[in-house]
Amino acid sequence: MRLTSFTDYGLRVLMRLAGAPERAFSTTDLAAEFGVSRHHLAKVVSVLAAAGLLETRRGGGGGAMLARPPETIRIGDVVALLEADQAVVECFAPGGHACTLMPGCRLKSRLAHAEAAFIADLNRSTLADCTYRPDTV
């Protein structure tokens, strides 16, 4: 399974914040550290905040911080959240009925099972297991 850059950036943000839980990070600082677009990263931070994973504050001394302890944030749940609009194959997409193999396709259920197993396996790990501290790498 290939994850989108949106999910990649979201995981990076969470891992970095978990590595310095006492500090608020601006999207500008995170984007510079990761070498990615600040605009794109701001969208990622917005989704994570709306999901209750981050707290954000504007202005001086503002930024993003984890809203919950990293031990309570399951990696699979984060991936499922950030990949929610990404179908593994076209027939999984909303309105994805263009497959000429339907309704006799016997692959769709296997792909759905594999996707669920992927998320379940990732859920064996929490953000605390994947904390990133650049000074210790």
C-alpha atoms as a PDB file:
ATOM      1  CA  MET A   1       0.000   0.000   0.000  1.00  0.00           C
ATOM      2  CA  ARG A   2       1.317   3.425  -0.877  1.00  0.00           C
ATOM      3  CA  LEU A   3       0.518   6.325   1.439  1.00  0.00           C
ATOM      4  CA  THR A   4      -0.059   9.850   0.185  1.00  0.00           C
ATOM      5  CA  SER A   5       2.346  12.671   0.984  1.00  0.00           C
ATOM      6  CA  PHE A   6      -0.501  14.151   3.058  1.00  0.00           C
ATOM      7  CA  THR A   7      -0.355  11.120   5.375  1.00  0.00           C
ATOM      8  CA  ASP A   8       3.441  11.114   5.338  1.00  0.00           C
ATOM      9  CA  TYR A   9       3.502  14.750   6.464  1.00  0.00           C
ATOM     10  CA  GLY A  10       0.838  14.115   9.088  1.00  0.00           C
ATOM     11  CA  LEU A  11       2.850  11.286  10.605  1.00  0.00           C
ATOM     12  CA  ARG A  12       5.997  13.425  10.554  1.00  0.00           C
ATOM     13  CA  VAL A  13       4.208  16.254  12.355  1.00  0.00           C
ATOM     14  CA  LEU A  14       2.882  13.949  15.065  1.00  0.00           C
ATOM     15  CA  MET A  15       6.219  12.175  15.526  1.00  0.00           C
ATOM     16  CA  ARG A  16       8.056  15.491  15.798  1.00  0.00           C
ATOM     17  CA  LEU A  17       5.590  16.980  18.276  1.00  0.00           C
ATOM     18  CA  ALA A  18       5.782  13.821  20.379  1.00  0.00           C
ATOM     19  CA  GLY A  19       9.557  14.299  20.542  1.00  0.00           C
ATOM     20  CA  ALA A  20       9.199  17.716  22.207  1.00  0.00           C
ATOM     21  CA  PRO A  21       5.819  17.687  23.951  1.00  0.00           C
ATOM     22  CA  GLU A  22       6.522  20.849  25.942  1.00  0.00           C
ATOM     23  CA  ARG A  23       7.066  22.956  22.816  1.00  0.00           C
ATOM     24  CA  ALA A  24       4.586  24.505  20.381  1.00  0.00           C
ATOM     25  CA  PHE A  25       5.722  24.249  16.754  1.00  0.00           C
ATOM     26  CA  SER A  26       4.670  26.690  14.034  1.00  0.00           C
ATOM     27  CA  THR A  27       3.834  25.283  10.624  1.00  0.00           C
ATOM     28  CA  THR A  28       6.602  27.495   9.243  1.00  0.00           C
ATOM     29  CA  ASP A  29       9.195  25.871  11.524  1.00  0.00           C
ATOM     30  CA  LEU A  30       7.939  22.351  10.776  1.00  0.00           C
ATOM     31  CA  ALA A  31       7.838  22.981   7.017  1.00  0.00           C
ATOM     32  CA  ALA A  32      11.406  24.298   7.095  1.00  0.00           C
ATOM     33  CA  GLU A  33      12.613  21.333   9.158  1.00  0.00           C
ATOM     34  CA  PHE A  34      10.927  18.817   6.842  1.00  0.00           C
ATOM     35  CA  GLY A  35      11.704  20.671   3.619  1.00  0.00           C
ATOM     36  CA  VAL A  36       8.052  20.753   2.514  1.00  0.00           C
ATOM     37  CA  SER A  37       5.481  23.369   1.542  1.00  0.00           C
ATOM     38  CA  ARG A  38       4.182  25.389   4.507  1.00  0.00           C
ATOM     39  CA  HIS A  39       0.821  25.760   2.769  1.00  0.00           C
ATOM     40  CA  HIS A  40       0.444  21.983   2.360  1.00  0.00           C
ATOM     41  CA  LEU A  41       1.600  21.357   5.926  1.00  0.00           C
ATOM     42  CA  ALA A  42      -0.946  23.884   7.245  1.00  0.00           C
ATOM     43  CA  LYS A  43      -3.723  21.763   5.676  1.00  0.00           C
ATOM     44  CA  VAL A  44      -2.326  18.661   7.355  1.00  0.00           C
ATOM     45  CA  VAL A  45      -2.154  20.415  10.746  1.00  0.00           C
ATOM     46  CA  SER A  46      -5.725  21.632  10.278  1.00  0.00           C
ATOM     47  CA  VAL A  47      -7.016  18.083   9.715  1.00  0.00           C
ATOM     48  CA  LEU A  48      -5.068  16.752  12.705  1.00  0.00           C
ATOM     49  CA  ALA A  49      -6.436  19.548  14.899  1.00  0.00           C
ATOM     50  CA  ALA A  50     -10.014  18.975  13.705  1.00  0.00           C
ATOM     51  CA  ALA A  51      -9.610  15.299  14.632  1.00  0.00           C
ATOM     52  CA  GLY A  52      -8.577  16.254  18.169  1.00  0.00           C
ATOM     53  CA  LEU A  53      -4.982  15.099  17.812  1.00  0.00           C
ATOM     54  CA  LEU A  54      -3.465  18.589  17.952  1.00  0.00           C
ATOM     55  CA  GLU A  55      -4.165  21.808  19.795  1.00  0.00           C
ATOM     56  CA  THR A  56      -3.298  24.949  17.885  1.00  0.00           C
ATOM     57  CA  ARG A  57      -2.840  28.549  19.023  1.00  0.00           C
ATOM     58  CA  ARG A  58      -2.325  31.621  16.862  1.00  0.00           C
ATOM     59  CA  GLY A  59      -0.003  34.511  17.483  1.00  0.00           C
ATOM     60  CA  GLY A  60       3.244  34.918  19.356  1.00  0.00           C
ATOM     61  CA  GLY A  61       4.112  31.790  21.298  1.00  0.00           C
ATOM     62  CA  GLY A  62       1.467  29.919  19.340  1.00  0.00           C
ATOM     63  CA  GLY A  63       1.769  26.842  17.229  1.00  0.00           C
ATOM     64  CA  ALA A  64       0.726  23.220  17.381  1.00  0.00           C
ATOM     65  CA  MET A  65       1.089  20.760  20.241  1.00  0.00           C
ATOM     66  CA  LEU A  66      -0.248  17.276  20.852  1.00  0.00           C
ATOM     67  CA  ALA A  67      -3.740  17.331  22.311  1.00  0.00           C
ATOM     68  CA  ARG A  68      -3.412  13.847  23.790  1.00  0.00           C
ATOM     69  CA  PRO A  69      -0.599  11.756  25.238  1.00  0.00           C
ATOM     70  CA  PRO A  70       1.317   9.944  22.476  1.00  0.00           C
ATOM     71  CA  GLU A  71       0.562   6.592  24.148  1.00  0.00           C
ATOM     72  CA  THR A  72      -3.121   7.075  23.276  1.00  0.00           C
ATOM     73  CA  ILE A  73      -2.619   7.833  19.579  1.00  0.00           C
ATOM     74  CA  ARG A  74      -2.643   4.690  17.420  1.00  0.00           C
ATOM     75  CA  ILE A  75      -0.661   4.885  14.183  1.00  0.00           C
ATOM     76  CA  GLY A  76      -3.254   2.922  12.196  1.00  0.00           C
ATOM     77  CA  ASP A  77      -6.013   5.268  13.291  1.00  0.00           C
ATOM     78  CA  VAL A  78      -3.943   8.232  12.102  1.00  0.00           C
ATOM     79  CA  VAL A  79      -3.280   6.595   8.736  1.00  0.00           C
ATOM     80  CA  ALA A  80      -6.976   5.717   8.352  1.00  0.00           C
ATOM     81  CA  LEU A  81      -7.918   9.311   9.166  1.00  0.00           C
ATOM     82  CA  LEU A  82      -5.458  10.886   6.755  1.00  0.00           C
ATOM     83  CA  GLU A  83      -6.104   8.369   3.962  1.00  0.00           C
ATOM     84  CA  ALA A  84      -9.905   8.503   4.347  1.00  0.00           C
ATOM     85  CA  ASP A  85     -10.436  10.076   0.912  1.00  0.00           C
ATOM     86  CA  GLN A  86      -7.995   7.747  -0.855  1.00  0.00           C
ATOM     87  CA  ALA A  87      -9.444   4.563  -2.307  1.00  0.00           C
ATOM     88  CA  VAL A  88      -7.119   1.569  -2.606  1.00  0.00           C
ATOM     89  CA  VAL A  89      -8.739   0.859  -5.975  1.00  0.00           C
ATOM     90  CA  GLU A  90     -11.376   2.713  -8.003  1.00  0.00           C
ATOM     91  CA  CYS A  91     -14.243   0.478  -6.929  1.00  0.00           C
ATOM     92  CA  PHE A  92     -13.697   1.526  -3.283  1.00  0.00           C
ATOM     93  CA  ALA A  93     -14.218   5.202  -4.096  1.00  0.00           C
ATOM     94  CA  PRO A  94     -17.627   6.788  -3.504  1.00  0.00           C
ATOM     95  CA  GLY A  95     -19.569   6.239  -6.698  1.00  0.00           C
ATOM     96  CA  GLY A  96     -16.840   3.923  -7.974  1.00  0.00           C
ATOM     97  CA  HIS A  97     -19.014   1.612  -9.980  1.00  0.00           C
ATOM     98  CA  ALA A  98     -17.126   1.791 -13.261  1.00  0.00           C
ATOM     99  CA  CYS A  99     -15.404  -1.568 -12.859  1.00  0.00           C
ATOM    100  CA  THR A 100     -16.407  -3.922 -15.658  1.00  0.00           C
ATOM    101  CA  LEU A 101     -15.827  -6.931 -13.401  1.00  0.00           C
ATOM    102  CA  MET A 102     -18.650  -6.059 -11.013  1.00  0.00           C
ATOM    103  CA  PRO A 103     -20.688  -7.660  -9.597  1.00  0.00           C
ATOM    104  CA  GLY A 104     -18.675 -10.846 -10.136  1.00  0.00           C
ATOM    105  CA  CYS A 105     -15.335  -9.519  -8.907  1.00  0.00           C
ATOM    106  CA  ARG A 106     -13.814 -11.724  -6.225  1.00  0.00           C
ATOM    107  CA  LEU A 107     -10.849  -9.432  -5.559  1.00  0.00           C
ATOM    108  CA  LYS A 108     -12.634  -6.506  -3.896  1.00  0.00           C
ATOM    109  CA  SER A 109     -13.337  -8.320  -0.616  1.00  0.00           C
ATOM    110  CA  ARG A 110      -9.732  -9.540  -0.425  1.00  0.00           C
ATOM    111  CA  LEU A 111      -8.431  -6.009  -0.931  1.00  0.00           C
ATOM    112  CA  ALA A 112     -10.792  -4.705   1.752  1.00  0.00           C
ATOM    113  CA  HIS A 113      -9.538  -7.407   4.125  1.00  0.00           C
ATOM    114  CA  ALA A 114      -5.895  -6.552   3.332  1.00  0.00           C
ATOM    115  CA  GLU A 115      -6.526  -2.854   3.931  1.00  0.00           C
ATOM    116  CA  ALA A 116      -8.174  -3.613   7.291  1.00  0.00           C
ATOM    117  CA  ALA A 117      -5.259  -5.888   8.238  1.00  0.00           C
ATOM    118  CA  PHE A 118      -2.783  -3.131   7.314  1.00  0.00           C
ATOM    119  CA  ILE A 119      -4.524  -0.623   9.601  1.00  0.00           C
ATOM    120  CA  ALA A 120      -4.876  -3.219  12.375  1.00  0.00           C
ATOM    121  CA  ASP A 121      -1.167  -4.023  12.212  1.00  0.00           C
ATOM    122  CA  LEU A 122      -0.248  -0.336  12.351  1.00  0.00           C
ATOM    123  CA  ASN A 123      -2.555   0.007  15.358  1.00  0.00           C
ATOM    124  CA  ARG A 124      -0.234  -2.299  17.262  1.00  0.00           C
ATOM    125  CA  SER A 125       1.991   0.795  17.559  1.00  0.00           C
ATOM    126  CA  THR A 126       1.306   4.133  19.187  1.00  0.00           C
ATOM    127  CA  LEU A 127       2.838   7.502  18.530  1.00  0.00           C
ATOM    128  CA  ALA A 128       4.939   6.953  21.667  1.00  0.00           C
ATOM    129  CA  ASP A 129       6.633   4.049  19.838  1.00  0.00           C
ATOM    130  CA  CYS A 130       7.541   6.351  16.923  1.00  0.00           C
ATOM    131  CA  THR A 131       8.649   9.534  18.677  1.00  0.00           C
ATOM    132  CA  TYR A 132      11.160  11.589  16.678  1.00  0.00           C
ATOM    133  CA  ARG A 133      13.838  13.706  18.332  1.00  0.00           C
ATOM    134  CA  PRO A 134      16.306  15.096  15.789  1.00  0.00           C
ATOM    135  CA  ASP A 135      19.070  15.471  18.369  1.00  0.00           C
ATOM    136  CA  THR A 136      18.983  11.704  19.111  1.00  0.00           C
ATOM    137  CA  VAL A 137      18.999  10.527  15.490  1.00  0.00           C
END
